[in-house]
Amino acid sequence: MTRINVIFHSVTGHTAKLAAAIAEGIESLDGCTAALKQIPELPGQGPVTMTNLPARKEAFAALPVASTDDMLDCDGFAFGSAVYWGNMSYAAKYFLDTTANLYTLSAPDQPAQPNPAMFGKPVTVFTGGGNGLANEPAILSIYMALSFFGVTLVTVGARLPEVTDPKRHGGGNTLGAGTFSRVPGTRPSGDECAIARVQGRALAETARAWKERRRD
């Protein structure tokens, strides 16, 4: 069985719903299973003030809390974040900062060595932003952090027409799935979820192949 973790930070629940769609796409491929893992809020640092926020978070409150081990103990992972000021959220940034424990530093004058279990591991990224501004820079900021581990980045590309449809106004692009949480209507939209499911399946295909090659 190819095991893939979907690690995410969500404030209003929209990114959590997108994570669930990613997981659906992963499990649509035979022999692949997905596990949802949430990044918690920082102690004493609540998110932005918003009406009904506690009720919105109840929908995914029971999900297990992510740790850096969840990046190691899998055959691939998806990483999702709310978008804050054109960047990943504060909680997602803190989580990735703690991945320093996946490096070995034998001495101050020696090179830092990342855990070799990360080399080549398939990874994909998705985001949720209020009005859709700066989702791409947020994805790139996560790419930058993960690239230090030598992972294989899996993008959506133009795998389905919704990504490049000029008439569509919504989240999701060639880099990764996304949702515009403050745009009127149900969010994530049907198109946004469709992009996420395709992205999840693409990750699963890559992770399954990567696992098989490692076995050989």
N, C-alpha and C. Protein backbone atom coordinates (compact mmCIF):
# COMPACT_ATOMS: atom_id res chain seq x y z
N MET A 1 0.83 -1.20 0.00
CA MET A 1 0.00 0.00 0.00
C MET A 1 0.88 1.26 0.00
N THR A 2 0.56 2.19 -0.89
CA THR A 2 1.27 3.47 -0.94
C THR A 2 0.58 4.44 0.01
N ARG A 3 1.30 4.91 1.01
CA ARG A 3 0.73 5.76 2.06
C ARG A 3 1.13 7.22 1.82
N ILE A 4 0.12 8.08 1.75
CA ILE A 4 0.34 9.50 1.47
C ILE A 4 -0.35 10.33 2.55
N ASN A 5 0.37 11.26 3.14
CA ASN A 5 -0.19 12.16 4.14
C ASN A 5 -0.58 13.49 3.51
N VAL A 6 -1.70 14.02 3.97
CA VAL A 6 -2.16 15.34 3.53
C VAL A 6 -2.09 16.25 4.75
N ILE A 7 -1.06 17.08 4.78
CA ILE A 7 -0.77 17.95 5.92
C ILE A 7 -1.24 19.36 5.58
N PHE A 8 -2.01 19.98 6.47
CA PHE A 8 -2.56 21.30 6.12
C PHE A 8 -2.82 22.15 7.34
N HIS A 9 -2.83 23.47 7.13
CA HIS A 9 -3.30 24.43 8.12
C HIS A 9 -4.49 25.17 7.53
N SER A 10 -5.59 25.15 8.26
CA SER A 10 -6.81 25.80 7.80
C SER A 10 -7.36 26.68 8.92
N VAL A 11 -7.82 27.86 8.57
CA VAL A 11 -8.38 28.79 9.56
C VAL A 11 -9.90 28.75 9.53
N THR A 12 -10.48 28.84 8.35
CA THR A 12 -11.94 28.90 8.23
C THR A 12 -12.56 27.57 7.82
N GLY A 13 -11.73 26.60 7.48
CA GLY A 13 -12.24 25.30 7.04
C GLY A 13 -12.20 25.09 5.55
N HIS A 14 -11.95 26.15 4.78
CA HIS A 14 -11.94 26.01 3.33
C HIS A 14 -10.73 25.19 2.85
N THR A 15 -9.57 25.45 3.42
CA THR A 15 -8.38 24.68 3.04
C THR A 15 -8.53 23.23 3.50
N ALA A 16 -9.23 23.02 4.62
CA ALA A 16 -9.49 21.65 5.09
C ALA A 16 -10.36 20.89 4.09
N LYS A 17 -11.36 21.56 3.53
CA LYS A 17 -12.21 20.91 2.52
C LYS A 17 -11.41 20.58 1.27
N LEU A 18 -10.50 21.47 0.92
CA LEU A 18 -9.64 21.21 -0.24
C LEU A 18 -8.72 20.02 0.04
N ALA A 19 -8.24 19.93 1.28
CA ALA A 19 -7.41 18.78 1.67
C ALA A 19 -8.18 17.48 1.52
N ALA A 20 -9.46 17.51 1.89
CA ALA A 20 -10.29 16.31 1.76
C ALA A 20 -10.44 15.91 0.29
N ALA A 21 -10.55 16.91 -0.60
CA ALA A 21 -10.65 16.61 -2.03
C ALA A 21 -9.33 16.03 -2.56
N ILE A 22 -8.21 16.56 -2.07
CA ILE A 22 -6.90 16.00 -2.43
C ILE A 22 -6.85 14.52 -2.02
N ALA A 23 -7.32 14.24 -0.80
CA ALA A 23 -7.31 12.86 -0.30
C ALA A 23 -8.20 11.95 -1.15
N GLU A 24 -9.34 12.47 -1.60
CA GLU A 24 -10.22 11.69 -2.48
C GLU A 24 -9.48 11.31 -3.77
N GLY A 25 -8.76 12.26 -4.32
CA GLY A 25 -8.00 11.99 -5.54
C GLY A 25 -6.92 10.95 -5.32
N ILE A 26 -6.26 11.02 -4.18
CA ILE A 26 -5.23 10.03 -3.85
C ILE A 26 -5.83 8.63 -3.80
N GLU A 27 -6.95 8.50 -3.10
CA GLU A 27 -7.54 7.19 -2.89
C GLU A 27 -8.32 6.67 -4.09
N SER A 28 -8.42 7.50 -5.15
CA SER A 28 -9.05 7.02 -6.38
C SER A 28 -8.11 6.10 -7.16
N LEU A 29 -6.85 6.07 -6.77
CA LEU A 29 -5.87 5.21 -7.43
C LEU A 29 -5.69 3.93 -6.61
N ASP A 30 -5.79 2.80 -7.26
CA ASP A 30 -5.66 1.51 -6.58
C ASP A 30 -4.34 1.43 -5.82
N GLY A 31 -4.42 0.92 -4.59
CA GLY A 31 -3.23 0.71 -3.80
C GLY A 31 -2.71 1.93 -3.08
N CYS A 32 -3.49 3.01 -3.08
CA CYS A 32 -3.04 4.25 -2.42
C CYS A 32 -4.02 4.65 -1.32
N THR A 33 -3.50 5.09 -0.21
CA THR A 33 -4.33 5.53 0.90
C THR A 33 -3.85 6.89 1.40
N ALA A 34 -4.78 7.71 1.87
CA ALA A 34 -4.46 9.07 2.32
C ALA A 34 -4.83 9.24 3.78
N ALA A 35 -4.04 10.02 4.50
CA ALA A 35 -4.31 10.35 5.90
C ALA A 35 -4.25 11.86 6.06
N LEU A 36 -5.32 12.45 6.58
CA LEU A 36 -5.38 13.89 6.80
C LEU A 36 -4.75 14.23 8.14
N LYS A 37 -3.88 15.24 8.15
CA LYS A 37 -3.18 15.68 9.36
C LYS A 37 -3.24 17.20 9.43
N GLN A 38 -3.76 17.75 10.51
CA GLN A 38 -3.89 19.21 10.61
C GLN A 38 -2.75 19.83 11.39
N ILE A 39 -2.33 21.00 10.92
CA ILE A 39 -1.35 21.81 11.65
C ILE A 39 -2.13 22.72 12.60
N PRO A 40 -1.86 22.65 13.90
CA PRO A 40 -2.66 23.43 14.86
C PRO A 40 -2.25 24.90 14.89
N GLU A 41 -3.09 25.70 15.53
CA GLU A 41 -2.73 27.09 15.78
C GLU A 41 -1.58 27.13 16.78
N LEU A 42 -0.78 28.18 16.73
CA LEU A 42 0.30 28.32 17.69
C LEU A 42 -0.26 28.66 19.07
N PRO A 43 0.35 28.16 20.13
CA PRO A 43 -0.15 28.47 21.48
C PRO A 43 -0.20 29.97 21.73
N GLY A 44 -1.36 30.44 22.15
CA GLY A 44 -1.52 31.86 22.46
C GLY A 44 -1.62 32.77 21.26
N GLN A 45 -1.61 32.19 20.06
CA GLN A 45 -1.68 33.00 18.84
C GLN A 45 -2.89 32.57 18.02
N GLY A 46 -4.04 33.11 18.36
CA GLY A 46 -5.24 32.77 17.62
C GLY A 46 -5.22 33.37 16.23
N PRO A 47 -6.02 32.84 15.32
CA PRO A 47 -6.08 33.38 13.96
C PRO A 47 -6.83 34.70 13.93
N VAL A 48 -7.03 35.21 12.73
CA VAL A 48 -7.73 36.47 12.56
C VAL A 48 -9.13 36.38 13.16
N THR A 49 -9.65 37.51 13.64
CA THR A 49 -10.99 37.54 14.20
C THR A 49 -12.01 37.38 13.09
N MET A 50 -12.92 36.44 13.27
CA MET A 50 -13.91 36.16 12.24
C MET A 50 -15.13 35.53 12.90
N THR A 51 -16.31 35.88 12.42
CA THR A 51 -17.53 35.35 13.01
C THR A 51 -17.63 33.85 12.80
N ASN A 52 -18.15 33.17 13.82
CA ASN A 52 -18.40 31.72 13.77
C ASN A 52 -17.14 30.90 13.53
N LEU A 53 -15.97 31.44 13.87
CA LEU A 53 -14.73 30.73 13.59
C LEU A 53 -14.63 29.40 14.35
N PRO A 54 -14.93 29.38 15.66
CA PRO A 54 -14.85 28.09 16.36
C PRO A 54 -15.74 27.02 15.74
N ALA A 55 -16.95 27.41 15.32
CA ALA A 55 -17.86 26.43 14.71
C ALA A 55 -17.30 25.92 13.38
N ARG A 56 -16.64 26.79 12.62
CA ARG A 56 -16.07 26.37 11.34
C ARG A 56 -14.95 25.36 11.54
N LYS A 57 -14.18 25.52 12.61
CA LYS A 57 -13.05 24.63 12.84
C LYS A 57 -13.48 23.29 13.44
N GLU A 58 -14.70 23.23 13.97
CA GLU A 58 -15.19 21.98 14.54
C GLU A 58 -15.23 20.86 13.51
N ALA A 59 -15.45 21.22 12.26
CA ALA A 59 -15.61 20.21 11.21
C ALA A 59 -14.35 19.34 11.05
N PHE A 60 -13.19 19.88 11.38
CA PHE A 60 -11.96 19.10 11.24
C PHE A 60 -11.16 19.04 12.54
N ALA A 61 -11.78 19.44 13.65
CA ALA A 61 -11.08 19.48 14.94
C ALA A 61 -10.61 18.11 15.40
N ALA A 62 -11.32 17.06 15.01
CA ALA A 62 -10.98 15.70 15.47
C ALA A 62 -9.83 15.07 14.70
N LEU A 63 -9.39 15.70 13.62
CA LEU A 63 -8.29 15.13 12.83
C LEU A 63 -7.00 15.13 13.65
N PRO A 64 -6.14 14.15 13.44
CA PRO A 64 -4.87 14.12 14.18
C PRO A 64 -3.99 15.31 13.84
N VAL A 65 -3.18 15.70 14.81
CA VAL A 65 -2.26 16.83 14.64
C VAL A 65 -1.00 16.35 13.92
N ALA A 66 -0.56 17.13 12.96
CA ALA A 66 0.61 16.78 12.17
C ALA A 66 1.90 17.00 12.96
N SER A 67 2.88 16.18 12.67
CA SER A 67 4.23 16.38 13.20
C SER A 67 5.21 16.23 12.04
N THR A 68 6.45 16.61 12.26
CA THR A 68 7.43 16.50 11.18
C THR A 68 7.67 15.04 10.80
N ASP A 69 7.39 14.12 11.71
CA ASP A 69 7.52 12.70 11.36
C ASP A 69 6.57 12.30 10.24
N ASP A 70 5.47 13.05 10.09
CA ASP A 70 4.50 12.74 9.04
C ASP A 70 5.05 13.04 7.65
N MET A 71 6.14 13.77 7.58
CA MET A 71 6.81 14.00 6.31
C MET A 71 7.75 12.84 5.97
N LEU A 72 8.18 12.12 7.00
CA LEU A 72 9.09 11.00 6.81
C LEU A 72 8.34 9.68 6.63
N ASP A 73 7.35 9.46 7.49
CA ASP A 73 6.67 8.17 7.55
C ASP A 73 5.56 8.08 6.52
N CYS A 74 5.93 8.17 5.25
CA CYS A 74 4.95 8.11 4.16
C CYS A 74 5.72 7.95 2.85
N ASP A 75 4.97 7.69 1.80
CA ASP A 75 5.58 7.55 0.47
C ASP A 75 5.43 8.83 -0.36
N GLY A 76 4.84 9.85 0.24
CA GLY A 76 4.62 11.14 -0.41
C GLY A 76 3.68 11.94 0.46
N PHE A 77 3.65 13.25 0.27
CA PHE A 77 2.71 14.05 1.05
C PHE A 77 2.29 15.30 0.29
N ALA A 78 1.08 15.75 0.63
CA ALA A 78 0.57 17.02 0.14
C ALA A 78 0.65 18.01 1.29
N PHE A 79 0.96 19.26 0.98
CA PHE A 79 1.08 20.29 2.02
C PHE A 79 0.20 21.46 1.63
N GLY A 80 -0.73 21.81 2.52
CA GLY A 80 -1.66 22.90 2.23
C GLY A 80 -1.63 23.97 3.30
N SER A 81 -1.89 25.20 2.88
CA SER A 81 -1.86 26.32 3.82
C SER A 81 -2.86 27.39 3.42
N ALA A 82 -3.39 28.05 4.42
CA ALA A 82 -4.10 29.30 4.17
C ALA A 82 -3.10 30.33 3.68
N VAL A 83 -3.56 31.32 2.94
CA VAL A 83 -2.67 32.35 2.40
C VAL A 83 -2.76 33.61 3.26
N TYR A 84 -1.61 34.05 3.75
CA TYR A 84 -1.53 35.28 4.56
C TYR A 84 -0.54 36.24 3.90
N TRP A 85 -1.04 37.38 3.43
CA TRP A 85 -0.19 38.42 2.87
C TRP A 85 0.73 37.87 1.78
N GLY A 86 0.19 37.04 0.92
CA GLY A 86 0.96 36.52 -0.19
C GLY A 86 1.97 35.46 0.19
N ASN A 87 1.79 34.87 1.38
CA ASN A 87 2.74 33.87 1.86
C ASN A 87 1.95 32.75 2.52
N MET A 88 2.65 31.70 2.94
CA MET A 88 1.98 30.67 3.73
C MET A 88 1.57 31.26 5.07
N SER A 89 0.68 30.60 5.78
CA SER A 89 0.21 31.11 7.06
C SER A 89 1.30 31.01 8.12
N TYR A 90 1.09 31.73 9.23
CA TYR A 90 2.06 31.72 10.32
C TYR A 90 2.24 30.31 10.88
N ALA A 91 1.16 29.55 11.01
CA ALA A 91 1.25 28.21 11.57
C ALA A 91 1.99 27.26 10.63
N ALA A 92 1.72 27.38 9.33
CA ALA A 92 2.43 26.54 8.35
C ALA A 92 3.92 26.87 8.34
N LYS A 93 4.24 28.15 8.43
CA LYS A 93 5.66 28.57 8.47
C LYS A 93 6.34 28.02 9.72
N TYR A 94 5.68 28.11 10.87
CA TYR A 94 6.26 27.58 12.11
C TYR A 94 6.48 26.08 11.98
N PHE A 95 5.51 25.38 11.41
CA PHE A 95 5.65 23.93 11.24
C PHE A 95 6.87 23.61 10.39
N LEU A 96 7.02 24.30 9.26
CA LEU A 96 8.16 24.02 8.39
C LEU A 96 9.49 24.43 9.04
N ASP A 97 9.46 25.47 9.89
CA ASP A 97 10.67 25.83 10.61
C ASP A 97 11.13 24.70 11.54
N THR A 98 10.17 23.97 12.10
CA THR A 98 10.53 22.89 13.02
C THR A 98 11.10 21.67 12.29
N THR A 99 11.03 21.66 10.96
CA THR A 99 11.61 20.54 10.22
C THR A 99 13.13 20.57 10.25
N ALA A 100 13.70 21.57 10.90
CA ALA A 100 15.15 21.57 11.11
C ALA A 100 15.58 20.31 11.85
N ASN A 101 14.64 19.70 12.61
CA ASN A 101 15.00 18.47 13.33
C ASN A 101 15.17 17.28 12.39
N LEU A 102 14.86 17.46 11.11
CA LEU A 102 15.08 16.40 10.14
C LEU A 102 16.48 16.48 9.53
N TYR A 103 17.26 17.47 9.96
CA TYR A 103 18.64 17.62 9.52
C TYR A 103 19.60 17.12 10.60
N THR A 104 20.76 16.69 10.17
CA THR A 104 21.83 16.31 11.10
C THR A 104 22.99 17.29 10.93
N LEU A 105 23.40 17.88 12.04
CA LEU A 105 24.54 18.81 12.02
C LEU A 105 25.56 18.27 13.02
N SER A 106 26.57 17.59 12.52
CA SER A 106 27.54 16.94 13.39
C SER A 106 28.46 17.93 14.10
N ALA A 107 28.73 19.05 13.44
CA ALA A 107 29.58 20.08 14.03
C ALA A 107 29.30 21.40 13.31
N PRO A 108 29.54 22.54 14.01
CA PRO A 108 29.23 23.84 13.39
C PRO A 108 29.93 24.07 12.06
N ASP A 109 31.11 23.47 11.87
CA ASP A 109 31.86 23.69 10.63
C ASP A 109 31.64 22.59 9.60
N GLN A 110 30.62 21.73 9.83
CA GLN A 110 30.33 20.65 8.91
C GLN A 110 29.01 20.92 8.18
N PRO A 111 28.84 20.37 6.98
CA PRO A 111 27.58 20.57 6.25
C PRO A 111 26.39 19.95 6.97
N ALA A 112 25.25 20.61 6.90
CA ALA A 112 24.02 20.04 7.43
C ALA A 112 23.51 18.99 6.46
N GLN A 113 23.10 17.84 6.98
CA GLN A 113 22.67 16.74 6.16
C GLN A 113 21.19 16.45 6.39
N PRO A 114 20.35 16.63 5.35
CA PRO A 114 18.93 16.29 5.52
C PRO A 114 18.73 14.79 5.59
N ASN A 115 17.64 14.37 6.18
CA ASN A 115 17.33 12.96 6.27
C ASN A 115 17.21 12.37 4.86
N PRO A 116 17.98 11.34 4.53
CA PRO A 116 17.93 10.80 3.17
C PRO A 116 16.59 10.21 2.79
N ALA A 117 15.73 9.94 3.77
CA ALA A 117 14.40 9.41 3.46
C ALA A 117 13.56 10.42 2.69
N MET A 118 13.98 11.69 2.69
CA MET A 118 13.24 12.73 1.99
C MET A 118 13.65 12.86 0.52
N PHE A 119 14.81 12.34 0.15
CA PHE A 119 15.33 12.54 -1.20
C PHE A 119 14.39 11.93 -2.24
N GLY A 120 13.92 12.76 -3.15
CA GLY A 120 13.06 12.29 -4.23
C GLY A 120 11.62 12.06 -3.86
N LYS A 121 11.26 12.22 -2.60
CA LYS A 121 9.88 11.93 -2.17
C LYS A 121 8.91 12.86 -2.89
N PRO A 122 7.84 12.33 -3.50
CA PRO A 122 6.86 13.17 -4.19
C PRO A 122 6.05 14.04 -3.22
N VAL A 123 5.96 15.31 -3.56
CA VAL A 123 5.27 16.28 -2.71
C VAL A 123 4.46 17.22 -3.61
N THR A 124 3.29 17.61 -3.14
CA THR A 124 2.49 18.59 -3.87
C THR A 124 1.95 19.62 -2.90
N VAL A 125 1.58 20.80 -3.40
CA VAL A 125 1.21 21.93 -2.54
C VAL A 125 -0.12 22.53 -3.00
N PHE A 126 -0.94 22.94 -2.04
CA PHE A 126 -2.21 23.61 -2.35
C PHE A 126 -2.46 24.71 -1.32
N THR A 127 -3.33 25.66 -1.67
CA THR A 127 -3.55 26.81 -0.80
C THR A 127 -5.02 27.22 -0.79
N GLY A 128 -5.38 27.98 0.24
CA GLY A 128 -6.70 28.59 0.31
C GLY A 128 -6.54 30.06 0.68
N GLY A 129 -7.06 30.96 -0.15
CA GLY A 129 -6.92 32.39 0.10
C GLY A 129 -8.24 33.10 -0.02
N GLY A 130 -8.43 34.14 0.78
CA GLY A 130 -9.71 34.84 0.83
C GLY A 130 -10.25 35.30 -0.51
N ASN A 131 -9.51 36.18 -1.21
CA ASN A 131 -10.00 36.70 -2.47
C ASN A 131 -9.17 36.21 -3.65
N GLY A 132 -8.24 35.30 -3.40
CA GLY A 132 -7.45 34.73 -4.47
C GLY A 132 -6.18 35.46 -4.80
N LEU A 133 -5.93 36.60 -4.12
CA LEU A 133 -4.71 37.34 -4.40
C LEU A 133 -3.49 36.60 -3.85
N ALA A 134 -2.47 36.48 -4.65
CA ALA A 134 -1.15 35.99 -4.22
C ALA A 134 -1.13 34.53 -3.81
N ASN A 135 -2.04 33.72 -4.35
CA ASN A 135 -1.96 32.28 -4.07
C ASN A 135 -0.67 31.68 -4.64
N GLU A 136 -0.29 32.12 -5.85
CA GLU A 136 0.92 31.58 -6.48
C GLU A 136 2.17 31.87 -5.65
N PRO A 137 2.39 33.12 -5.18
CA PRO A 137 3.57 33.35 -4.33
C PRO A 137 3.56 32.50 -3.06
N ALA A 138 2.37 32.25 -2.51
CA ALA A 138 2.30 31.41 -1.31
C ALA A 138 2.76 29.99 -1.62
N ILE A 139 2.31 29.45 -2.77
CA ILE A 139 2.75 28.11 -3.16
C ILE A 139 4.27 28.09 -3.37
N LEU A 140 4.79 29.12 -4.01
CA LEU A 140 6.24 29.18 -4.27
C LEU A 140 7.03 29.27 -2.97
N SER A 141 6.47 29.95 -1.96
CA SER A 141 7.18 30.05 -0.68
C SER A 141 7.28 28.68 -0.02
N ILE A 142 6.26 27.86 -0.18
CA ILE A 142 6.31 26.50 0.37
C ILE A 142 7.26 25.64 -0.45
N TYR A 143 7.22 25.80 -1.78
CA TYR A 143 8.17 25.09 -2.65
C TYR A 143 9.60 25.37 -2.18
N MET A 144 9.89 26.63 -1.90
CA MET A 144 11.25 27.01 -1.53
C MET A 144 11.70 26.27 -0.28
N ALA A 145 10.83 26.21 0.72
CA ALA A 145 11.18 25.53 1.97
C ALA A 145 11.39 24.04 1.74
N LEU A 146 10.49 23.41 0.99
CA LEU A 146 10.56 21.96 0.79
C LEU A 146 11.72 21.56 -0.13
N SER A 147 12.14 22.47 -1.00
CA SER A 147 13.21 22.13 -1.95
C SER A 147 14.52 21.79 -1.26
N PHE A 148 14.72 22.27 -0.04
CA PHE A 148 15.96 21.98 0.68
C PHE A 148 16.08 20.50 1.03
N PHE A 149 14.97 19.78 0.98
CA PHE A 149 15.02 18.35 1.30
C PHE A 149 15.22 17.48 0.05
N GLY A 150 15.28 18.10 -1.11
CA GLY A 150 15.50 17.33 -2.33
C GLY A 150 14.30 16.51 -2.76
N VAL A 151 13.10 17.00 -2.43
CA VAL A 151 11.89 16.28 -2.79
C VAL A 151 11.57 16.47 -4.27
N THR A 152 10.63 15.67 -4.77
CA THR A 152 10.13 15.81 -6.14
C THR A 152 8.79 16.53 -6.09
N LEU A 153 8.72 17.71 -6.70
CA LEU A 153 7.50 18.51 -6.67
C LEU A 153 6.56 18.07 -7.79
N VAL A 154 5.32 17.79 -7.41
CA VAL A 154 4.29 17.37 -8.36
C VAL A 154 3.30 18.53 -8.53
N THR A 155 3.17 19.03 -9.74
CA THR A 155 2.25 20.14 -10.01
C THR A 155 0.99 19.64 -10.70
N VAL A 156 0.01 20.52 -10.78
CA VAL A 156 -1.22 20.19 -11.50
C VAL A 156 -0.98 20.26 -13.01
N GLY A 157 -0.26 21.30 -13.42
CA GLY A 157 -0.10 21.51 -14.85
C GLY A 157 -1.45 21.79 -15.50
N ALA A 158 -1.59 21.47 -16.75
CA ALA A 158 -2.86 21.67 -17.47
C ALA A 158 -3.54 20.31 -17.66
N ARG A 159 -3.64 19.55 -16.58
CA ARG A 159 -4.18 18.20 -16.65
C ARG A 159 -5.68 18.17 -16.91
N LEU A 160 -6.38 19.28 -16.61
CA LEU A 160 -7.81 19.33 -16.89
C LEU A 160 -8.18 20.74 -17.32
N PRO A 161 -9.25 20.89 -18.12
CA PRO A 161 -9.54 22.19 -18.75
C PRO A 161 -9.87 23.30 -17.76
N GLU A 162 -10.35 22.95 -16.57
CA GLU A 162 -10.70 23.99 -15.60
C GLU A 162 -9.50 24.86 -15.23
N VAL A 163 -8.31 24.31 -15.29
CA VAL A 163 -7.11 25.06 -14.90
C VAL A 163 -6.87 26.25 -15.82
N THR A 164 -7.10 26.07 -17.12
CA THR A 164 -6.78 27.12 -18.09
C THR A 164 -8.02 27.78 -18.69
N ASP A 165 -9.19 27.51 -18.15
CA ASP A 165 -10.43 28.09 -18.68
C ASP A 165 -10.44 29.60 -18.42
N PRO A 166 -10.41 30.46 -19.46
CA PRO A 166 -10.36 31.91 -19.25
C PRO A 166 -11.66 32.47 -18.68
N LYS A 167 -12.74 31.71 -18.72
CA LYS A 167 -14.02 32.20 -18.21
C LYS A 167 -14.22 31.87 -16.74
N ARG A 168 -13.36 31.05 -16.20
CA ARG A 168 -13.52 30.62 -14.81
C ARG A 168 -12.86 31.60 -13.86
N HIS A 169 -13.55 31.95 -12.77
CA HIS A 169 -12.96 32.78 -11.71
C HIS A 169 -12.96 31.96 -10.43
N GLY A 170 -11.79 31.44 -10.09
CA GLY A 170 -11.71 30.60 -8.91
C GLY A 170 -10.29 30.18 -8.66
N GLY A 171 -10.10 29.42 -7.59
CA GLY A 171 -8.77 28.98 -7.21
C GLY A 171 -8.29 27.81 -8.03
N GLY A 172 -7.00 27.56 -7.94
CA GLY A 172 -6.39 26.47 -8.68
C GLY A 172 -5.69 26.97 -9.92
N ASN A 173 -4.44 26.56 -10.09
CA ASN A 173 -3.65 26.96 -11.24
C ASN A 173 -2.67 25.84 -11.55
N THR A 174 -1.76 26.07 -12.47
CA THR A 174 -0.85 25.01 -12.87
C THR A 174 0.07 24.57 -11.73
N LEU A 175 0.28 25.43 -10.73
CA LEU A 175 1.15 25.07 -9.61
C LEU A 175 0.45 24.16 -8.62
N GLY A 176 -0.83 24.44 -8.36
CA GLY A 176 -1.53 23.63 -7.37
C GLY A 176 -2.96 24.07 -7.18
N ALA A 177 -3.73 23.22 -6.51
CA ALA A 177 -5.13 23.53 -6.23
C ALA A 177 -5.24 24.70 -5.27
N GLY A 178 -6.38 25.38 -5.33
CA GLY A 178 -6.62 26.50 -4.43
C GLY A 178 -8.09 26.82 -4.37
N THR A 179 -8.46 27.64 -3.38
CA THR A 179 -9.84 28.08 -3.28
C THR A 179 -9.87 29.55 -2.89
N PHE A 180 -10.83 30.28 -3.44
CA PHE A 180 -11.05 31.68 -3.10
C PHE A 180 -12.17 31.72 -2.06
N SER A 181 -11.83 31.68 -0.80
CA SER A 181 -12.82 31.45 0.25
C SER A 181 -13.80 32.59 0.45
N ARG A 182 -13.49 33.81 0.01
CA ARG A 182 -14.39 34.95 0.23
C ARG A 182 -15.19 35.32 -1.02
N VAL A 183 -15.04 34.55 -2.07
CA VAL A 183 -15.82 34.79 -3.28
C VAL A 183 -17.22 34.22 -3.07
N PRO A 184 -18.28 34.89 -3.51
CA PRO A 184 -19.63 34.39 -3.29
C PRO A 184 -19.85 32.98 -3.84
N GLY A 185 -20.71 32.25 -3.16
CA GLY A 185 -21.02 30.88 -3.58
C GLY A 185 -20.36 29.87 -2.67
N THR A 186 -20.62 28.62 -2.93
CA THR A 186 -20.04 27.54 -2.14
C THR A 186 -18.55 27.41 -2.44
N ARG A 187 -17.76 27.39 -1.38
CA ARG A 187 -16.31 27.26 -1.53
C ARG A 187 -15.78 26.19 -0.60
N PRO A 188 -14.90 25.35 -1.11
CA PRO A 188 -14.40 25.29 -2.47
C PRO A 188 -15.51 24.96 -3.47
N SER A 189 -15.40 25.52 -4.65
CA SER A 189 -16.39 25.28 -5.69
C SER A 189 -16.19 23.89 -6.29
N GLY A 190 -17.12 23.51 -7.15
CA GLY A 190 -16.99 22.22 -7.83
C GLY A 190 -15.72 22.14 -8.66
N ASP A 191 -15.41 23.24 -9.36
CA ASP A 191 -14.19 23.26 -10.18
C ASP A 191 -12.94 23.18 -9.31
N GLU A 192 -12.94 23.91 -8.19
CA GLU A 192 -11.78 23.90 -7.30
C GLU A 192 -11.54 22.50 -6.73
N CYS A 193 -12.62 21.83 -6.35
CA CYS A 193 -12.49 20.47 -5.83
C CYS A 193 -12.03 19.50 -6.92
N ALA A 194 -12.52 19.72 -8.15
CA ALA A 194 -12.11 18.86 -9.26
C ALA A 194 -10.61 18.97 -9.50
N ILE A 195 -10.09 20.18 -9.45
CA ILE A 195 -8.65 20.38 -9.62
C ILE A 195 -7.88 19.69 -8.49
N ALA A 196 -8.39 19.81 -7.27
CA ALA A 196 -7.73 19.18 -6.13
C ALA A 196 -7.71 17.66 -6.26
N ARG A 197 -8.81 17.08 -6.72
CA ARG A 197 -8.85 15.62 -6.87
C ARG A 197 -7.86 15.15 -7.93
N VAL A 198 -7.77 15.89 -9.04
CA VAL A 198 -6.80 15.54 -10.08
C VAL A 198 -5.37 15.67 -9.54
N GLN A 199 -5.13 16.70 -8.75
CA GLN A 199 -3.81 16.89 -8.16
C GLN A 199 -3.48 15.74 -7.20
N GLY A 200 -4.45 15.33 -6.40
CA GLY A 200 -4.24 14.23 -5.48
C GLY A 200 -3.91 12.94 -6.22
N ARG A 201 -4.63 12.68 -7.32
CA ARG A 201 -4.36 11.47 -8.09
C ARG A 201 -2.97 11.53 -8.74
N ALA A 202 -2.59 12.71 -9.23
CA ALA A 202 -1.26 12.87 -9.83
C ALA A 202 -0.17 12.58 -8.80
N LEU A 203 -0.38 13.06 -7.57
CA LEU A 203 0.57 12.78 -6.50
C LEU A 203 0.63 11.28 -6.22
N ALA A 204 -0.54 10.64 -6.18
CA ALA A 204 -0.60 9.21 -5.90
C ALA A 204 0.13 8.40 -6.98
N GLU A 205 -0.08 8.79 -8.24
CA GLU A 205 0.59 8.08 -9.34
C GLU A 205 2.11 8.18 -9.20
N THR A 206 2.58 9.38 -8.86
CA THR A 206 4.01 9.59 -8.74
C THR A 206 4.57 8.87 -7.52
N ALA A 207 3.84 8.94 -6.41
CA ALA A 207 4.31 8.29 -5.18
C ALA A 207 4.33 6.77 -5.33
N ARG A 208 3.33 6.21 -5.99
CA ARG A 208 3.30 4.77 -6.17
C ARG A 208 4.48 4.31 -7.03
N ALA A 209 4.75 5.05 -8.10
CA ALA A 209 5.88 4.72 -8.98
C ALA A 209 7.21 4.88 -8.24
N TRP A 210 7.32 5.93 -7.44
CA TRP A 210 8.55 6.17 -6.67
C TRP A 210 8.80 5.04 -5.68
N LYS A 211 7.73 4.59 -5.02
CA LYS A 211 7.87 3.50 -4.06
C LYS A 211 8.30 2.21 -4.76
N GLU A 212 7.72 1.95 -5.92
CA GLU A 212 8.07 0.73 -6.65
C GLU A 212 9.52 0.76 -7.11
N ARG A 213 10.00 1.92 -7.56
CA ARG A 213 11.39 2.03 -7.99
C ARG A 213 12.36 1.83 -6.82
N ARG A 214 12.00 2.35 -5.66
CA ARG A 214 12.84 2.19 -4.48
C ARG A 214 12.90 0.71 -4.06
N ARG A 215 11.80 0.02 -4.24
CA ARG A 215 11.75 -1.40 -3.87
C ARG A 215 12.68 -2.20 -4.77
N ASP A 216 12.75 -1.80 -6.07
CA ASP A 216 13.64 -2.48 -7.01
C ASP A 216 15.10 -2.21 -6.68
